[in-house]
Protein backbone atom coordinates (compact mmCIF):
# COMPACT_ATOMS: atom_id res chain seq x y z
CA MET A 1 1.01 -58.01 -8.23
CA LYS A 2 1.84 -56.71 -4.85
CA THR A 3 5.55 -56.23 -5.86
CA HIS A 4 4.51 -54.11 -8.80
CA LEU A 5 2.00 -52.19 -6.81
CA SER A 6 4.51 -51.20 -4.15
CA PHE A 7 6.93 -50.30 -6.77
CA LEU A 8 4.33 -48.09 -8.44
CA VAL A 9 3.57 -46.44 -5.27
CA ALA A 10 7.33 -45.92 -4.36
CA MET A 11 7.56 -44.25 -8.02
CA ILE A 12 4.89 -41.98 -7.46
CA PHE A 13 5.99 -40.85 -4.01
CA ALA A 14 9.51 -40.38 -5.38
CA SER A 15 8.17 -38.37 -8.35
CA THR A 16 6.86 -35.70 -5.97
CA ASN A 17 10.30 -35.27 -4.39
CA VAL A 18 12.42 -34.90 -7.57
CA VAL A 19 14.61 -31.98 -7.48
CA ALA A 20 15.05 -30.14 -10.68
CA ALA A 21 18.29 -30.33 -12.69
CA ASP A 22 19.07 -26.66 -12.07
CA SER A 23 18.43 -26.94 -8.54
CA VAL A 24 20.14 -28.36 -5.50
CA SER A 25 18.29 -29.71 -2.21
CA ILE A 26 19.45 -28.78 1.24
CA THR A 27 18.99 -32.31 2.06
CA ASP A 28 21.20 -33.56 -0.43
CA GLU A 29 23.91 -35.54 1.46
CA ARG A 30 26.56 -33.22 0.22
CA PHE A 31 25.02 -30.48 2.54
CA GLY A 32 23.18 -32.87 5.05
CA ALA A 33 20.06 -30.58 6.47
CA ILE A 34 17.51 -32.76 8.21
CA ALA A 35 14.07 -31.77 8.66
CA ASN A 36 12.15 -32.20 12.00
CA ASP A 37 15.23 -33.08 14.07
CA ASN A 38 15.32 -29.73 16.22
CA LEU A 39 18.80 -29.51 15.35
CA ASP A 40 20.58 -26.46 13.80
CA ASP A 41 20.58 -26.76 10.06
CA SER A 42 22.28 -23.14 9.26
CA GLN A 43 25.50 -24.65 8.41
CA ALA A 44 24.01 -27.23 5.84
CA ILE A 45 21.85 -24.44 4.30
CA GLN A 46 24.61 -22.17 3.85
CA ALA A 47 26.63 -24.73 2.16
CA ALA A 48 23.81 -25.58 -0.30
CA VAL A 49 23.55 -21.54 -1.07
CA ASN A 50 27.27 -21.27 -1.54
CA TYR A 51 27.23 -24.35 -3.95
CA ALA A 52 24.15 -22.70 -5.91
CA VAL A 53 25.71 -19.37 -6.33
CA SER A 54 29.11 -20.86 -7.55
CA ASN A 55 27.35 -23.23 -9.87
CA SER A 56 24.48 -21.04 -11.01
CA LYS A 57 21.74 -23.17 -9.59
CA SER A 58 18.71 -22.69 -7.46
CA VAL A 59 18.16 -24.03 -3.97
CA TYR A 60 15.33 -26.28 -3.01
CA ILE A 61 13.90 -26.62 0.65
CA PRO A 62 11.58 -29.58 1.00
CA ALA A 63 8.70 -30.16 3.18
CA GLY A 64 9.55 -30.05 6.83
CA THR A 65 10.83 -27.77 9.65
CA PHE A 66 14.49 -26.69 9.45
CA ASN A 67 16.22 -24.87 12.39
CA ILE A 68 18.20 -21.63 11.62
CA GLU A 69 20.38 -20.26 14.52
CA ASN A 70 22.84 -18.58 12.15
CA THR A 71 22.20 -16.06 9.26
CA ILE A 72 22.00 -17.48 5.90
CA ASP A 73 24.17 -15.10 3.89
CA VAL A 74 23.59 -15.33 0.23
CA THR A 75 26.37 -12.93 -0.58
CA GLN A 76 28.87 -14.84 1.47
CA PHE A 77 30.55 -16.68 -1.60
CA ALA A 78 30.46 -14.10 -4.47
CA GLY A 79 29.63 -10.70 -2.93
CA ASN A 80 26.80 -8.51 -3.14
CA HIS A 81 26.77 -8.12 -6.99
CA ARG A 82 27.17 -11.68 -8.14
CA SER A 83 24.93 -13.73 -5.94
CA GLN A 84 21.88 -13.90 -7.89
CA ILE A 85 20.09 -17.13 -6.78
CA LYS A 86 16.49 -18.51 -6.40
CA ILE A 87 15.56 -20.02 -3.03
CA THR A 88 12.17 -21.93 -2.97
CA GLY A 89 10.35 -24.29 -0.88
CA GLU A 90 7.72 -27.08 -1.85
CA LYS A 91 4.71 -24.96 -0.44
CA ARG A 92 4.78 -22.21 2.23
CA GLU A 93 2.54 -24.28 4.55
CA LEU A 94 5.06 -27.09 4.24
CA SER A 95 8.47 -25.96 3.98
CA LYS A 96 9.46 -24.08 7.24
CA LEU A 97 12.45 -22.32 8.55
CA LEU A 98 12.40 -21.62 12.35
CA THR A 99 14.54 -19.69 14.67
CA SER A 100 14.75 -18.61 18.18
CA SER A 101 18.01 -16.57 17.88
CA ASN A 102 18.15 -12.62 17.27
CA ILE A 103 19.38 -12.87 13.72
CA SER A 104 18.61 -12.02 10.25
CA MET A 105 17.45 -15.33 8.96
CA PHE A 106 18.50 -14.48 5.33
CA LYS A 107 20.76 -11.82 4.10
CA VAL A 108 20.26 -10.98 0.50
CA ALA A 109 21.32 -8.48 -2.35
CA HIS A 110 20.91 -8.09 -6.08
CA GLY A 111 18.64 -10.39 -7.99
CA VAL A 112 17.68 -12.74 -5.33
CA GLU A 113 14.41 -14.77 -5.21
CA ILE A 114 12.78 -16.42 -2.21
CA HIS A 115 9.45 -18.20 -2.63
CA ASN A 116 7.14 -20.76 -0.89
CA LEU A 117 8.40 -20.76 2.62
CA THR A 118 7.32 -20.03 6.02
CA LEU A 119 9.69 -17.91 8.13
CA SER A 120 9.30 -18.01 11.87
CA GLN A 121 10.77 -16.32 14.95
CA SER A 122 9.74 -18.54 17.99
CA ASN A 123 11.02 -16.07 20.82
CA ALA A 124 8.25 -14.60 23.00
CA GLN A 125 9.09 -11.16 21.89
CA PRO A 126 9.54 -9.98 18.26
CA GLN A 127 13.28 -9.88 17.31
CA GLY A 128 15.47 -10.16 14.46
CA LYS A 129 14.57 -10.07 10.60
CA ALA A 130 13.31 -12.40 8.35
CA ILE A 131 14.93 -11.28 5.43
CA GLU A 132 17.38 -8.30 5.58
CA ILE A 133 19.01 -6.47 2.42
CA PRO A 134 21.75 -4.56 4.20
CA PHE A 135 23.39 -2.99 1.02
CA ALA A 136 20.97 -2.81 -2.07
CA SER A 137 19.05 -5.23 -3.98
CA TYR A 138 17.55 -4.69 -7.69
CA ARG A 139 15.37 -6.88 -9.65
CA SER A 140 14.63 -9.00 -6.55
CA HIS A 141 11.49 -10.96 -6.05
CA PHE A 142 9.90 -12.24 -2.85
CA SER A 143 6.74 -14.07 -3.01
CA LYS A 144 4.45 -16.74 -1.26
CA LEU A 145 5.95 -16.19 2.15
CA ASP A 146 4.59 -16.60 5.65
CA ILE A 147 6.53 -14.54 8.24
CA THR A 148 5.75 -14.27 11.88
CA GLY A 149 7.39 -13.28 15.01
CA PHE A 150 10.32 -10.92 13.98
CA ASP A 151 11.04 -7.39 14.68
CA LYS A 152 10.99 -6.53 10.86
CA GLY A 153 9.55 -9.15 8.23
CA ILE A 154 11.69 -7.58 5.40
CA TYR A 155 13.97 -4.95 6.04
CA GLY A 156 16.50 -3.21 3.48
CA LYS A 157 17.89 -0.16 1.87
CA TRP A 158 18.28 0.92 -1.58
CA VAL A 159 15.88 -1.43 -3.27
CA ILE A 160 14.67 -0.88 -6.97
CA TRP A 161 12.70 -2.69 -9.55
CA SER A 162 11.79 -5.41 -7.18
CA ARG A 163 8.36 -7.29 -6.35
CA PHE A 164 6.97 -8.09 -3.16
CA GLU A 165 3.88 -10.15 -3.44
CA ASP A 166 1.50 -12.71 -1.79
CA LEU A 167 3.12 -11.98 1.60
CA PHE A 168 1.43 -12.98 4.90
CA ILE A 169 2.95 -11.16 7.77
CA PHE A 170 2.03 -11.72 11.46
CA LYS A 171 2.94 -10.53 14.68
CA VAL A 172 5.87 -8.37 13.92
CA ASN A 173 6.82 -4.63 14.58
CA VAL A 174 7.06 -3.85 11.08
CA GLY A 175 6.12 -5.74 8.01
CA VAL A 176 8.11 -4.43 5.11
CA GLU A 177 10.39 -1.44 5.87
CA LEU A 178 12.58 -0.17 3.00
CA HIS A 179 14.66 2.81 4.24
CA GLY A 180 17.20 5.25 2.46
CA ASN A 181 19.78 5.41 5.22
CA GLY A 182 18.31 4.08 8.52
CA ASP A 183 16.05 6.67 10.12
CA ASN A 184 17.61 9.62 8.27
CA PRO A 185 16.86 8.96 4.47
CA ALA A 186 19.27 10.89 2.09
CA TYR A 187 19.17 12.46 -1.29
CA TRP A 188 18.71 10.22 -4.27
CA ASN A 189 21.99 8.65 -5.40
CA THR A 190 24.31 10.10 -2.99
CA GLU A 191 26.42 7.39 -1.44
CA PRO A 192 27.53 6.86 1.39
CA ASN A 193 24.38 8.52 2.95
CA GLY A 194 21.49 6.44 1.03
CA TRP A 195 19.13 6.31 -1.72
CA PHE A 196 15.49 6.13 -2.06
CA ASN A 197 13.87 2.79 -2.94
CA ASN A 198 12.45 2.93 -6.47
CA VAL A 199 10.06 1.47 -8.75
CA ASN A 200 8.96 -1.52 -6.49
CA VAL A 201 5.64 -3.28 -6.57
CA PHE A 202 4.05 -4.60 -3.35
CA ASP A 203 1.10 -6.83 -4.39
CA ASN A 204 -1.16 -8.66 -2.12
CA ILE A 205 0.54 -8.06 1.18
CA TYR A 206 -1.19 -8.98 4.49
CA VAL A 207 0.16 -7.53 7.74
CA GLU A 208 -1.65 -8.07 11.20
CA GLY A 209 -0.55 -7.27 14.72
CA SER A 210 2.17 -4.67 13.70
CA ASN A 211 3.44 -1.46 14.77
CA THR A 212 3.41 -0.34 11.06
CA GLY A 213 2.51 -2.45 8.09
CA LEU A 214 4.61 -1.04 5.19
CA LYS A 215 7.13 1.67 5.90
CA LEU A 216 8.79 3.10 2.74
CA ALA A 217 11.29 5.75 1.89
CA ALA A 218 10.14 5.17 -1.47
CA MET A 219 9.50 6.89 -4.81
CA GLY A 220 7.79 5.45 -8.02
CA SER A 221 6.29 2.50 -5.98
CA ASN A 222 2.96 0.83 -5.93
CA ILE A 223 1.24 -0.67 -3.19
CA VAL A 224 -1.97 -2.70 -4.49
CA ASN A 225 -4.35 -5.19 -3.21
CA SER A 226 -3.13 -5.26 0.26
CA THR A 227 -4.38 -5.47 3.93
CA VAL A 228 -3.19 -4.19 7.33
CA GLN A 229 -5.16 -5.37 10.25
CA ASN A 230 -4.98 -4.63 14.18
CA SER A 231 -1.72 -2.34 13.70
CA ALA A 232 -0.90 1.09 14.75
CA VAL A 233 0.05 2.30 11.30
CA GLY A 234 -1.14 0.79 7.77
CA VAL A 235 1.30 2.49 5.40
CA GLU A 236 3.92 5.00 6.07
CA ILE A 237 5.87 6.70 3.42
CA TYR A 238 8.39 9.51 4.13
CA GLY A 239 11.56 11.18 2.69
CA PRO A 240 14.36 13.35 3.86
CA ALA A 241 13.56 17.00 4.67
CA GLU A 242 15.66 18.26 2.02
CA HIS A 243 14.69 16.15 -0.86
CA TYR A 244 10.95 14.76 -0.76
CA THR A 245 9.81 11.41 -2.01
CA TRP A 246 7.23 11.48 -4.90
CA ASN A 247 5.03 9.45 -7.29
CA ASN A 248 3.69 6.54 -5.20
CA GLN A 249 0.45 5.05 -5.65
CA ILE A 250 -1.71 2.98 -3.26
CA SER A 251 -4.56 1.09 -4.74
CA ASN A 252 -7.24 -1.31 -3.30
CA PHE A 253 -6.20 -1.15 0.16
CA TYR A 254 -8.32 -2.52 3.16
CA ALA A 255 -7.56 -1.37 6.76
CA GLU A 256 -9.30 -2.74 9.81
CA GLY A 257 -8.53 -2.04 13.54
CA VAL A 258 -5.69 0.40 12.38
CA ASN A 259 -5.16 3.56 14.44
CA THR A 260 -3.61 5.58 11.41
CA VAL A 261 -4.21 4.16 7.88
CA PHE A 262 -1.63 6.30 6.00
CA LYS A 263 1.06 8.42 7.56
CA VAL A 264 2.88 10.63 5.06
CA LYS A 265 5.89 12.87 5.61
CA ASN A 266 8.11 14.84 3.29
CA SER A 267 6.33 13.77 -0.03
CA ARG A 268 5.54 15.80 -2.94
CA THR A 269 2.71 13.46 -4.43
CA LEU A 270 0.64 10.45 -3.34
CA ASP A 271 -2.29 8.97 -5.13
CA ILE A 272 -4.72 6.65 -3.13
CA ASN A 273 -7.23 4.87 -5.13
CA GLY A 274 -9.87 2.30 -3.66
CA VAL A 275 -9.86 2.12 0.14
CA PHE A 276 -11.88 0.42 2.90
CA ALA A 277 -10.78 1.70 6.50
CA GLN A 278 -12.78 0.42 9.42
CA GLY A 279 -12.32 2.87 12.47
CA GLY A 280 -13.27 1.86 16.11
CA ALA A 281 -16.24 1.95 18.49
CA GLN A 282 -17.75 5.21 19.23
CA SER A 283 -16.11 5.14 22.75
CA ASN A 284 -12.84 4.00 21.25
CA ARG A 285 -12.07 5.89 17.95
CA LYS A 286 -9.15 5.13 15.84
CA TYR A 287 -6.94 8.30 15.33
CA ALA A 288 -7.13 9.22 11.71
CA VAL A 289 -7.43 7.96 7.92
CA ILE A 290 -4.54 10.40 6.95
CA ASP A 291 -1.87 11.74 9.10
CA ALA A 292 0.18 14.12 6.74
CA GLU A 293 3.16 16.31 7.41
CA ASN A 294 4.84 18.26 4.30
CA ALA A 295 3.15 15.75 2.28
CA GLY A 296 2.72 17.92 -1.06
CA LYS A 297 -0.54 16.89 -2.81
CA ILE A 298 -2.38 13.82 -1.68
CA THR A 299 -5.29 12.61 -3.99
CA ILE A 300 -7.71 9.96 -2.61
CA ASN A 301 -10.62 8.62 -4.71
CA GLY A 302 -13.13 5.69 -4.28
CA MET A 303 -12.89 5.53 -0.25
CA THR A 304 -15.50 3.93 1.81
CA GLY A 305 -15.40 2.87 5.46
CA GLN A 306 -17.36 2.27 8.65
CA ASP A 307 -17.16 2.95 12.40
CA TRP A 308 -15.57 5.85 14.09
CA TRP A 309 -12.72 8.09 14.04
CA LYS A 310 -11.20 10.93 15.90
CA HIS A 311 -9.95 12.71 12.69
CA SER A 312 -10.56 12.12 8.98
CA ALA A 313 -7.30 13.71 8.38
CA VAL A 314 -4.58 15.60 10.32
CA LEU A 315 -2.97 17.90 7.87
CA LYS A 316 0.32 20.05 8.13
CA ASN A 317 1.46 21.97 5.18
CA THR A 318 -0.35 19.51 2.87
CA GLN A 319 -3.08 19.68 0.33
CA LEU A 320 -5.55 16.71 0.35
CA ILE A 321 -7.90 16.17 -2.73
CA GLY A 322 -10.78 13.82 -2.48
CA ASN A 323 -13.36 12.52 -0.01
CA VAL A 324 -12.21 10.96 3.25
CA VAL A 325 -14.78 8.82 4.71
CA ALA A 326 -14.41 8.77 8.38
CA ILE A 327 -17.60 8.73 10.72
CA GLY A 328 -17.27 11.43 13.38
CA GLY A 329 -13.92 12.16 12.27
CA ALA A 330 -12.92 15.90 12.47
CA LEU A 331 -10.45 17.76 9.97
CA SER A 332 -7.47 19.15 11.56
CA GLN A 333 -5.33 21.23 9.39
CA ASP A 334 -2.89 24.30 9.88
CA ASN A 335 -2.82 27.47 7.72
CA GLN A 336 -0.48 25.85 5.18
CA SER A 337 -2.88 23.26 4.42
CA SER A 338 -6.06 22.47 2.30
CA TYR A 339 -8.84 20.02 1.92
CA ILE A 340 -10.39 19.79 -1.47
CA THR A 341 -13.54 17.67 -1.42
CA SER A 342 -15.72 16.67 -4.48
CA GLN A 343 -19.42 15.82 -4.50
CA THR A 344 -21.11 14.12 -7.41
CA LEU A 345 -24.92 14.49 -7.92
CA SER A 346 -27.51 13.00 -10.27
CA ILE A 347 -30.13 15.38 -11.56
CA SER A 348 -32.87 16.10 -13.91
CA LEU A 349 -34.21 19.69 -14.66
CA PRO A 350 -37.42 20.46 -16.25
CA ALA A 351 -37.85 22.94 -19.42
CA ASN A 352 -39.78 25.63 -17.65
CA LYS A 353 -37.03 27.67 -15.77
CA GLN A 354 -38.02 26.29 -12.34
CA TRP A 355 -35.33 26.13 -9.62
CA GLN A 356 -34.76 22.71 -8.25
CA GLU A 357 -32.85 22.19 -4.93
CA LEU A 358 -29.66 20.08 -4.95
CA PRO A 359 -28.89 17.76 -2.04
CA ALA A 360 -25.34 19.32 -2.01
CA LYS A 361 -23.36 20.37 0.98
CA VAL A 362 -21.89 23.73 0.53
CA ALA A 363 -19.59 24.91 3.49
CA GLY A 364 -19.39 28.55 4.83
CA ASN A 365 -16.38 30.68 3.75
CA SER A 366 -15.41 28.41 0.77
CA ALA A 367 -15.07 28.23 -2.96
CA TYR A 368 -16.27 25.50 -5.43
CA ARG A 369 -15.66 24.32 -8.98
CA VAL A 370 -19.14 23.28 -10.25
CA THR A 371 -19.46 21.25 -13.42
CA ILE A 372 -22.70 19.89 -14.94
CA SER A 373 -23.24 17.71 -17.67
CA GLY A 374 -26.47 15.96 -19.41
CA ILE A 375 -28.59 15.97 -22.30
CA ARG A 376 -31.16 18.68 -23.15
CA ASP A 377 -34.53 17.58 -25.06
CA GLY A 378 -33.03 14.09 -25.71
CA TYR A 379 -30.38 15.22 -28.22
CA ASP A 380 -28.37 18.46 -27.34
CA PRO A 381 -25.29 17.73 -24.97
CA VAL A 382 -24.67 20.29 -22.11
CA LEU A 383 -21.46 20.78 -20.47
CA GLU A 384 -21.16 23.78 -18.25
CA GLU A 385 -18.42 24.85 -15.52
CA TYR A 386 -18.96 27.71 -12.90
CA VAL A 387 -16.90 28.74 -9.91
CA LEU A 388 -18.97 29.17 -6.74
CA TYR A 389 -17.72 31.73 -3.95
CA ASN A 390 -19.77 31.31 -0.71
CA PHE A 391 -18.88 33.63 2.41
CA ASN A 392 -20.45 32.61 5.39
CA GLY A 393 -23.57 30.93 3.71
CA ALA A 394 -24.96 34.40 3.25
CA SER A 395 -26.79 34.79 -0.16
CA ARG A 396 -26.02 38.38 -0.67
CA TYR A 397 -22.16 37.75 -0.41
CA THR A 398 -22.44 34.65 -2.96
CA ARG A 399 -20.67 35.02 -6.16
CA ILE A 400 -21.33 32.50 -8.93
CA SER A 401 -19.00 32.99 -12.27
CA HIS A 402 -19.60 31.20 -15.36
CA VAL A 403 -16.38 29.71 -16.90
CA SER A 404 -17.16 27.59 -19.89
CA GLY A 405 -20.26 26.33 -21.66
CA ARG A 406 -23.19 27.81 -23.31
CA GLU A 407 -24.65 29.13 -19.69
CA ILE A 408 -27.87 26.98 -20.53
CA VAL A 409 -27.72 25.81 -16.86
CA LYS A 410 -27.66 28.39 -13.97
CA PHE A 411 -27.06 28.02 -10.41
CA LYS A 412 -27.80 30.08 -7.12
CA LEU A 413 -27.11 29.90 -3.57
CA GLU A 414 -29.68 30.78 -0.90
CA SER A 415 -29.28 30.13 2.96
CA GLY A 416 -26.49 27.64 2.20
CA LYS A 417 -28.65 25.78 -0.20
CA LEU A 418 -27.70 25.05 -3.80
CA PHE A 419 -30.19 25.38 -6.80
CA ALA A 420 -30.07 24.63 -10.26
CA GLN A 421 -32.23 26.13 -13.24
CA LEU A 422 -32.40 25.05 -17.01
CA ASP A 423 -32.74 28.34 -18.46
CA TYR A 424 -34.70 27.07 -21.35
CA TYR A 425 -38.49 26.96 -22.21
CA GLY A 426 -39.99 23.79 -23.99
CA GLY A 427 -38.80 20.40 -25.05
CA GLY A 428 -37.76 17.71 -22.95
CA GLY A 429 -35.66 19.26 -20.22
CA LEU A 430 -32.44 18.10 -18.94
CA SER A 431 -31.82 14.26 -18.42
CA LEU A 432 -28.94 12.10 -17.44
CA GLY A 433 -27.56 15.15 -15.49
CA LYS A 434 -24.57 15.05 -13.16
CA VAL A 435 -23.37 17.89 -11.10
CA THR A 436 -19.71 17.68 -9.71
CA LEU A 437 -18.71 20.16 -6.85
CA THR A 438 -15.05 20.29 -6.06
CA ARG A 439 -14.05 22.26 -3.22
CA ILE A 440 -11.03 24.53 -3.90
CA HIS A 441 -10.88 26.77 -0.77
């Protein structure tokens, strides 16, 4: 019985370490990597990668710590365009690659996948790169990676149609940086100067203790469900002065202890939806939620936040639409910029032509688009639109122009306060009413 039990235990243990038929393990005797021996495994892992590329197989990295002192170059055997390969660990908390050298741990190109690994730099100061894409990459996929201690977590150029997801990046100078051509990104598709990085997805990226969380010369890319903490900049999006980037989106973003949450330069459009941004103590305020220069139109919706800021937004030649929540934060903008805010209020109005004060904030020297919707007398839908011009808060200079609808609801401004009236006697009045003020100047 003891013999049978021992055999069964051995079979169960062995089954957890079986390598799939389409994969090769770096610890295979043909390659010879040995976990936890504190000796360089670079040559063995490079041999496994070259074999896998030449035989259309994947590379498996089992549990344990493997030392890397020379770059693992996925392109070494077949070049940039023919080195599609999948490299995966057992689990990222089990399969670990460690270096103390100032290297790029992995050099990759088109169609490469790397999953389920911890990539660590042990030098006292950040150096090297965990993953470098020195030429180009399309249809690549990087997921379930813990990256720590490098100068750049993932660094590359000309990356398109690729996914970056479920990454934990800690104590780096830049978490993910995709550039067009070094610090001088060039016009799209004009080699040798460089491209933008196009149509990439960044999902569930967590960066902490960095200079910049994500730095992208990008267009058509989407950052979702991501977090940056205790860093100088959360997300930086930039393009070349002669050809701006555009059509990027950021959704469900969390920033805590970040000095500037969004830094944007030379962009046409950026949509930001769903943000929580935590500033600093009143005596040690963070700089700004948005710092934008030549950034075209930035739209922000669904933002909440707490603690203190020096600026809500710093704008140079930029139009910002939406509400930036930043306690104590002053708006800084030049003459070529505008900040268009919206307020939505719930109201009900009696059917007796009485004026009702609305809890709206109307700035002096401003203009607003005012829309109101609701139900009159329980059955009659109401939808009105007005434009309100307010000069210095003085009632005699106020102009309210009707744009569309039946003019059932009317507005007036007195001493900077906005009032509404249902211009109708009898019935049930206006219920389920909503007033939206969008600042247009």
